[in-house]
Amino acid sequence: MCLPFNISCGFCKNCEKGLTGFCLTANPGTAGAAYGFAGMGPYSGGQAEYLRVPFADFNCLLLPPDAEEKENDYVILSDILPTSYHTTVLAGVEPGDSVVIYGAGPVGLMAAMFANLKGASKVMVVDSHPDRLRLAEQLGAIPIDDSDGGAVDRVLELTGGEGADRGCECVGDQCGCKDHEVPNLTMNNLVKSVGATGGIGVVGVFVAEDPGSPDDLMKEGKLAFDFGSFWMKGQRIATGQANVKAYNRKLRDLIQAGHLEPSRIVSHELPLGKAPEGYEHFDARDDGWTKVVLKTAA
């Protein structure tokens, strides 16, 4: 079986509407609970040999007979796969849309998969890491290198000056520019890259406060956002954690049917004891370290 990264009761007002990322029961006083996520309840992280599962009857998803054979596909159902699908839902991606995705990490790469699966006419992925951009191209997207800060111009060029129909933010407030954090960079670039009346889906993490941020506004969870352009263009933004239980059953079935292979982005398998090493490489954006799967029995 597979479990969502967020914890939901299944019977509160939000859960009954399918908004399981914002459960009102599992973390009293806050909408939403998760394993090992700051501010999301007293729950330890899920990367362990054993895991205590609250509301297990609701949260557990039974996997099909090929679970062992496709383990590296199904394990991604816990978080990254539903999150990447969620950003395309929030953005409103429909057949024929042009889509720009900021961030070629695991979420952005799989968002590109889903945009293509949904019939997007053009999928553009923006990043500054060559290895990730190569993988985006292998997944059928147009890679755009933003090392020189010219991504917006390139998107406009590829869309006849109109901008993309939909945009996906898959980076978060720790996005960087020449090794410096610029928390508002991707959000403002999306406003510029997406056309008038377009939709923007934000699943990159923006926390309520980040005392360690080098940006004074972000220390308080705030951004210098280009709201004037956003308003004048009539765009809309939807945000938030993925409601994993709303998606994971259908995504599981797509994997079983052979229509979806998220393990294509897995670059490394490590035993659980080497998790710190994996995090170190991933955090440093070392070449080729795209997605790590930890194995408790490895």
Protein backbone atom coordinates (compact mmCIF):
# COMPACT_ATOMS: atom_id res chain seq x y z
CA MET A 1 0.00 0.00 0.00
CA CYS A 2 0.94 3.66 -0.30
CA LEU A 3 0.25 6.58 2.02
CA PRO A 4 -0.16 10.29 1.30
CA PHE A 5 2.41 12.66 2.79
CA ASN A 6 -0.45 14.62 4.33
CA ILE A 7 -2.75 13.17 6.97
CA SER A 8 -6.51 13.46 6.73
CA CYS A 9 -9.45 12.15 8.71
CA GLY A 10 -11.88 11.57 5.86
CA PHE A 11 -14.91 12.97 7.67
CA CYS A 12 -14.38 16.70 8.32
CA LYS A 13 -15.92 19.38 6.11
CA ASN A 14 -12.82 19.76 3.94
CA CYS A 15 -12.10 16.05 3.62
CA GLU A 16 -15.67 15.37 2.52
CA LYS A 17 -15.15 17.93 -0.27
CA GLY A 18 -11.97 16.17 -1.38
CA LEU A 19 -9.73 18.87 0.10
CA THR A 20 -7.74 16.38 2.16
CA GLY A 21 -4.63 18.56 2.23
CA PHE A 22 -6.58 20.87 4.52
CA CYS A 23 -8.04 18.43 7.03
CA LEU A 24 -9.59 20.17 10.04
CA THR A 25 -9.22 17.21 12.40
CA ALA A 26 -5.67 15.84 12.21
CA ASN A 27 -3.97 19.06 13.38
CA PRO A 28 -6.46 20.96 15.56
CA GLY A 29 -6.35 24.71 15.07
CA THR A 30 -4.78 24.42 11.61
CA ALA A 31 -6.12 23.33 8.24
CA GLY A 32 -3.78 20.51 7.25
CA ALA A 33 -1.48 17.90 8.77
CA ALA A 34 1.56 16.06 7.41
CA TYR A 35 4.44 13.81 8.34
CA GLY A 36 7.58 15.73 9.29
CA PHE A 37 6.36 19.11 8.04
CA ALA A 38 6.93 22.14 10.27
CA GLY A 39 3.69 23.48 11.67
CA MET A 40 1.66 20.56 10.35
CA GLY A 41 1.19 18.65 13.57
CA PRO A 42 3.16 16.44 15.96
CA TYR A 43 3.88 13.75 13.37
CA SER A 44 7.39 12.43 12.73
CA GLY A 45 8.72 12.16 9.19
CA GLY A 46 7.75 9.26 6.97
CA GLN A 47 11.26 8.22 5.91
CA ALA A 48 11.65 5.47 8.48
CA GLU A 49 11.46 1.69 8.85
CA TYR A 50 8.07 1.94 10.55
CA LEU A 51 5.37 4.57 10.48
CA ARG A 52 2.40 5.20 12.74
CA VAL A 53 -0.56 5.98 10.48
CA PRO A 54 -3.45 8.01 11.92
CA PHE A 55 -6.83 7.36 10.29
CA ALA A 56 -5.26 4.45 8.42
CA ASP A 57 -8.59 3.13 7.16
CA PHE A 58 -8.98 6.33 5.13
CA ASN A 59 -5.39 7.17 4.24
CA CYS A 60 -4.06 3.82 3.01
CA LEU A 61 -4.24 3.18 -0.73
CA LEU A 62 -4.10 -0.47 -1.76
CA LEU A 63 -1.68 -1.16 -4.61
CA PRO A 64 -2.23 -3.70 -7.40
CA PRO A 65 -0.38 -7.02 -7.88
CA ASP A 66 2.47 -5.38 -9.83
CA ALA A 67 3.41 -3.23 -6.81
CA GLU A 68 6.79 -4.89 -6.29
CA GLU A 69 7.69 -4.75 -9.98
CA LYS A 70 6.77 -1.05 -10.20
CA GLU A 71 7.78 -0.06 -6.68
CA ASN A 72 9.69 3.04 -7.81
CA ASP A 73 6.62 4.24 -9.69
CA TYR A 74 4.07 3.63 -6.96
CA VAL A 75 6.18 5.09 -4.13
CA ILE A 76 6.03 8.48 -5.84
CA LEU A 77 2.25 8.42 -5.34
CA SER A 78 2.86 9.49 -1.75
CA ASP A 79 3.77 13.08 -2.59
CA ILE A 80 5.58 14.24 -5.72
CA LEU A 81 3.28 12.68 -8.32
CA PRO A 82 -0.01 14.03 -6.88
CA THR A 83 1.65 17.38 -6.23
CA SER A 84 2.77 17.70 -9.85
CA TYR A 85 -0.70 16.75 -11.05
CA HIS A 86 -2.18 19.24 -8.60
CA THR A 87 -0.30 22.16 -10.14
CA THR A 88 -1.83 21.40 -13.55
CA VAL A 89 -5.27 21.28 -11.93
CA LEU A 90 -4.70 24.58 -10.12
CA ALA A 91 -3.47 26.20 -13.34
CA GLY A 92 -6.47 24.84 -15.25
CA VAL A 93 -4.50 23.02 -17.95
CA GLU A 94 -6.76 21.85 -20.79
CA PRO A 95 -6.18 20.20 -24.19
CA GLY A 96 -4.54 22.61 -26.62
CA ASP A 97 -3.14 24.93 -23.95
CA SER A 98 0.42 26.21 -23.99
CA VAL A 99 2.00 25.66 -20.58
CA VAL A 100 5.10 27.13 -18.94
CA ILE A 101 6.53 25.39 -15.89
CA TYR A 102 9.06 27.13 -13.66
CA GLY A 103 11.32 24.56 -12.02
CA ALA A 104 12.73 21.31 -13.44
CA GLY A 105 12.99 19.48 -10.16
CA PRO A 106 10.94 16.30 -9.65
CA VAL A 107 7.63 18.18 -9.36
CA GLY A 108 8.23 20.37 -12.40
CA LEU A 109 9.37 17.44 -14.52
CA MET A 110 6.29 15.41 -13.70
CA ALA A 111 4.08 18.45 -14.18
CA ALA A 112 5.46 18.44 -17.73
CA MET A 113 4.44 14.79 -18.03
CA PHE A 114 0.91 15.62 -16.93
CA ALA A 115 0.61 18.68 -19.15
CA ASN A 116 1.47 16.48 -22.13
CA LEU A 117 -0.86 13.75 -20.90
CA LYS A 118 -3.66 16.34 -20.73
CA GLY A 119 -3.05 17.31 -24.35
CA ALA A 120 -1.15 20.59 -24.02
CA SER A 121 -0.05 21.93 -27.39
CA LYS A 122 3.25 23.22 -26.05
CA VAL A 123 5.04 22.58 -22.75
CA MET A 124 7.97 24.78 -21.74
CA VAL A 125 10.13 24.07 -18.68
CA VAL A 126 12.32 26.82 -17.20
CA ASP A 127 15.38 26.08 -15.08
CA SER A 128 19.11 26.80 -14.99
CA HIS A 129 20.51 23.30 -14.44
CA PRO A 130 21.58 21.61 -17.69
CA ASP A 131 21.03 18.03 -16.47
CA ARG A 132 17.45 18.78 -15.46
CA LEU A 133 16.73 20.64 -18.68
CA ARG A 134 18.00 17.65 -20.67
CA LEU A 135 15.59 15.43 -18.79
CA ALA A 136 12.74 17.86 -19.41
CA GLU A 137 13.47 17.62 -23.14
CA GLN A 138 13.47 13.82 -22.95
CA LEU A 139 10.00 14.06 -21.39
CA GLY A 140 8.71 16.01 -24.38
CA ALA A 141 9.03 19.58 -23.09
CA ILE A 142 10.84 22.57 -24.54
CA PRO A 143 13.76 23.32 -22.19
CA ILE A 144 14.43 26.99 -21.43
CA ASP A 145 17.70 27.88 -19.72
CA ASP A 146 17.23 30.87 -17.42
CA SER A 147 20.90 31.20 -16.50
CA ASP A 148 21.01 34.57 -18.21
CA GLY A 149 17.63 35.72 -16.85
CA GLY A 150 16.05 35.66 -20.31
CA ALA A 151 13.37 33.01 -19.75
CA VAL A 152 10.41 35.41 -19.94
CA ASP A 153 11.52 36.72 -23.33
CA ARG A 154 11.98 33.17 -24.61
CA VAL A 155 8.48 32.15 -23.48
CA LEU A 156 6.98 35.20 -25.16
CA GLU A 157 8.91 34.40 -28.33
CA LEU A 158 7.61 30.83 -28.34
CA THR A 159 4.01 31.99 -27.86
CA GLY A 160 3.91 34.73 -30.47
CA GLY A 161 4.23 37.44 -27.87
CA GLU A 162 1.01 36.45 -26.08
CA GLY A 163 2.44 34.44 -23.22
CA ALA A 164 1.49 30.91 -22.19
CA ASP A 165 -2.12 29.97 -21.47
CA ARG A 166 -1.17 28.34 -18.16
CA GLY A 167 1.74 28.55 -15.77
CA CYS A 168 2.98 26.23 -13.02
CA GLU A 169 5.17 27.32 -10.10
CA CYS A 170 7.23 24.31 -8.95
CA VAL A 171 10.08 26.04 -7.10
CA GLY A 172 8.90 27.90 -3.99
CA ASP A 173 10.25 30.77 -1.94
CA GLN A 174 13.84 29.48 -2.00
CA CYS A 175 14.20 30.00 -5.74
CA GLY A 176 17.62 31.26 -6.68
CA CYS A 177 19.26 33.65 -9.08
CA LYS A 178 23.03 33.23 -9.48
CA ASP A 179 23.24 31.38 -6.13
CA HIS A 180 21.19 34.01 -4.28
CA GLU A 181 17.66 33.43 -2.99
CA VAL A 182 15.09 35.67 -4.67
CA PRO A 183 11.75 34.55 -3.18
CA ASN A 184 9.54 36.55 -5.56
CA LEU A 185 11.40 35.65 -8.76
CA THR A 186 9.30 32.82 -10.13
CA MET A 187 5.99 34.39 -9.14
CA ASN A 188 6.73 37.67 -10.90
CA ASN A 189 8.21 35.87 -13.90
CA LEU A 190 5.04 33.80 -14.18
CA VAL A 191 2.93 36.95 -14.25
CA LYS A 192 5.10 38.12 -17.16
CA SER A 193 5.22 34.72 -18.90
CA VAL A 194 1.51 33.88 -18.74
CA GLY A 195 -0.88 35.67 -21.05
CA ALA A 196 -3.90 37.78 -20.19
CA THR A 197 -6.67 35.82 -18.38
CA GLY A 198 -4.30 32.86 -17.94
CA GLY A 199 -4.17 30.57 -14.93
CA ILE A 200 -1.23 30.02 -12.58
CA GLY A 201 -0.93 27.02 -10.26
CA VAL A 202 1.47 27.31 -7.31
CA VAL A 203 2.66 24.18 -5.50
CA GLY A 204 6.19 25.35 -4.65
CA VAL A 205 6.36 25.86 -0.89
CA PHE A 206 5.86 29.40 0.42
CA VAL A 207 5.86 29.31 4.21
CA ALA A 208 4.08 31.62 6.62
CA GLU A 209 7.43 32.77 7.98
CA ASP A 210 11.06 31.93 7.26
CA PRO A 211 13.34 33.54 9.86
CA GLY A 212 16.43 32.20 8.11
CA SER A 213 15.63 33.76 4.75
CA PRO A 214 18.08 36.37 3.43
CA ASP A 215 15.07 38.34 2.22
CA ASP A 216 13.55 40.63 4.88
CA LEU A 217 10.00 40.29 3.56
CA MET A 218 10.21 36.50 3.33
CA LYS A 219 11.29 36.35 6.95
CA GLU A 220 7.66 37.29 7.62
CA GLY A 221 6.27 35.12 4.83
CA LYS A 222 5.69 38.05 2.47
CA LEU A 223 6.63 38.76 -1.15
CA ALA A 224 7.15 41.84 -3.29
CA PHE A 225 4.57 40.66 -5.83
CA ASP A 226 3.74 42.46 -9.08
CA PHE A 227 0.04 42.61 -8.28
CA GLY A 228 -0.63 45.52 -10.61
CA SER A 229 0.40 43.56 -13.73
CA PHE A 230 -1.34 40.46 -12.39
CA TRP A 231 -4.58 42.43 -11.96
CA MET A 232 -4.34 44.26 -15.28
CA LYS A 233 -3.85 40.97 -17.12
CA GLY A 234 -6.90 39.41 -15.47
CA GLN A 235 -4.93 36.36 -14.39
CA ARG A 236 -5.89 33.98 -11.62
CA ILE A 237 -3.74 32.10 -9.14
CA ALA A 238 -4.55 28.98 -7.14
CA THR A 239 -2.20 27.61 -4.50
CA GLY A 240 -1.63 25.05 -1.80
CA GLN A 241 -0.64 21.53 -0.91
CA ALA A 242 -1.94 18.67 -3.00
CA ASN A 243 -5.09 16.91 -1.90
CA VAL A 244 -3.42 13.55 -2.39
CA LYS A 245 -6.47 11.41 -1.65
CA ALA A 246 -8.41 13.21 -4.37
CA TYR A 247 -5.93 12.03 -6.99
CA ASN A 248 -3.87 9.02 -5.92
CA ARG A 249 -6.34 6.28 -6.85
CA LYS A 250 -6.65 7.43 -10.46
CA LEU A 251 -2.93 8.09 -10.73
CA ARG A 252 -2.26 4.59 -9.42
CA ASP A 253 -4.48 3.20 -12.17
CA LEU A 254 -2.62 5.20 -14.82
CA ILE A 255 0.63 3.63 -13.62
CA GLN A 256 -0.85 0.13 -13.64
CA ALA A 257 -2.20 0.65 -17.16
CA GLY A 258 1.23 1.73 -18.40
CA HIS A 259 0.18 5.28 -19.26
CA LEU A 260 2.39 6.87 -16.61
CA GLU A 261 5.96 6.04 -15.57
CA PRO A 262 7.11 8.48 -12.88
CA SER A 263 10.21 6.37 -12.16
CA ARG A 264 11.72 7.86 -15.32
CA ILE A 265 12.97 10.76 -13.21
CA VAL A 266 14.48 8.58 -10.46
CA SER A 267 18.25 9.00 -10.61
CA HIS A 268 19.42 7.20 -7.46
CA GLU A 269 18.37 4.47 -5.04
CA LEU A 270 19.95 4.60 -1.59
CA PRO A 271 19.57 2.65 1.65
CA LEU A 272 17.79 4.63 4.36
CA GLY A 273 21.04 4.99 6.31
CA LYS A 274 22.49 7.07 3.48
CA ALA A 275 19.60 9.52 3.40
CA PRO A 276 21.76 12.42 4.69
CA GLU A 277 24.17 11.85 1.79
CA GLY A 278 21.29 11.90 -0.67
CA TYR A 279 19.90 15.11 0.78
CA GLU A 280 23.33 16.72 0.61
CA HIS A 281 23.68 15.97 -3.11
CA PHE A 282 20.11 16.99 -3.90
CA ASP A 283 20.33 20.22 -1.92
CA ALA A 284 23.56 21.11 -3.71
CA ARG A 285 21.85 20.42 -7.07
CA ASP A 286 24.72 18.14 -7.96
CA ASP A 287 24.68 17.03 -11.57
CA GLY A 288 22.44 14.03 -12.15
CA TRP A 289 20.82 13.99 -8.71
CA THR A 290 17.22 14.40 -9.84
CA LYS A 291 15.17 12.15 -7.58
CA VAL A 292 16.32 9.77 -4.84
CA VAL A 293 14.34 6.77 -3.65
CA LEU A 294 15.26 5.51 -0.18
CA LYS A 295 15.02 1.78 0.45
CA THR A 296 14.55 0.55 4.04
CA ALA A 297 15.78 -2.92 3.15
CA ALA A 298 18.61 -1.89 0.82
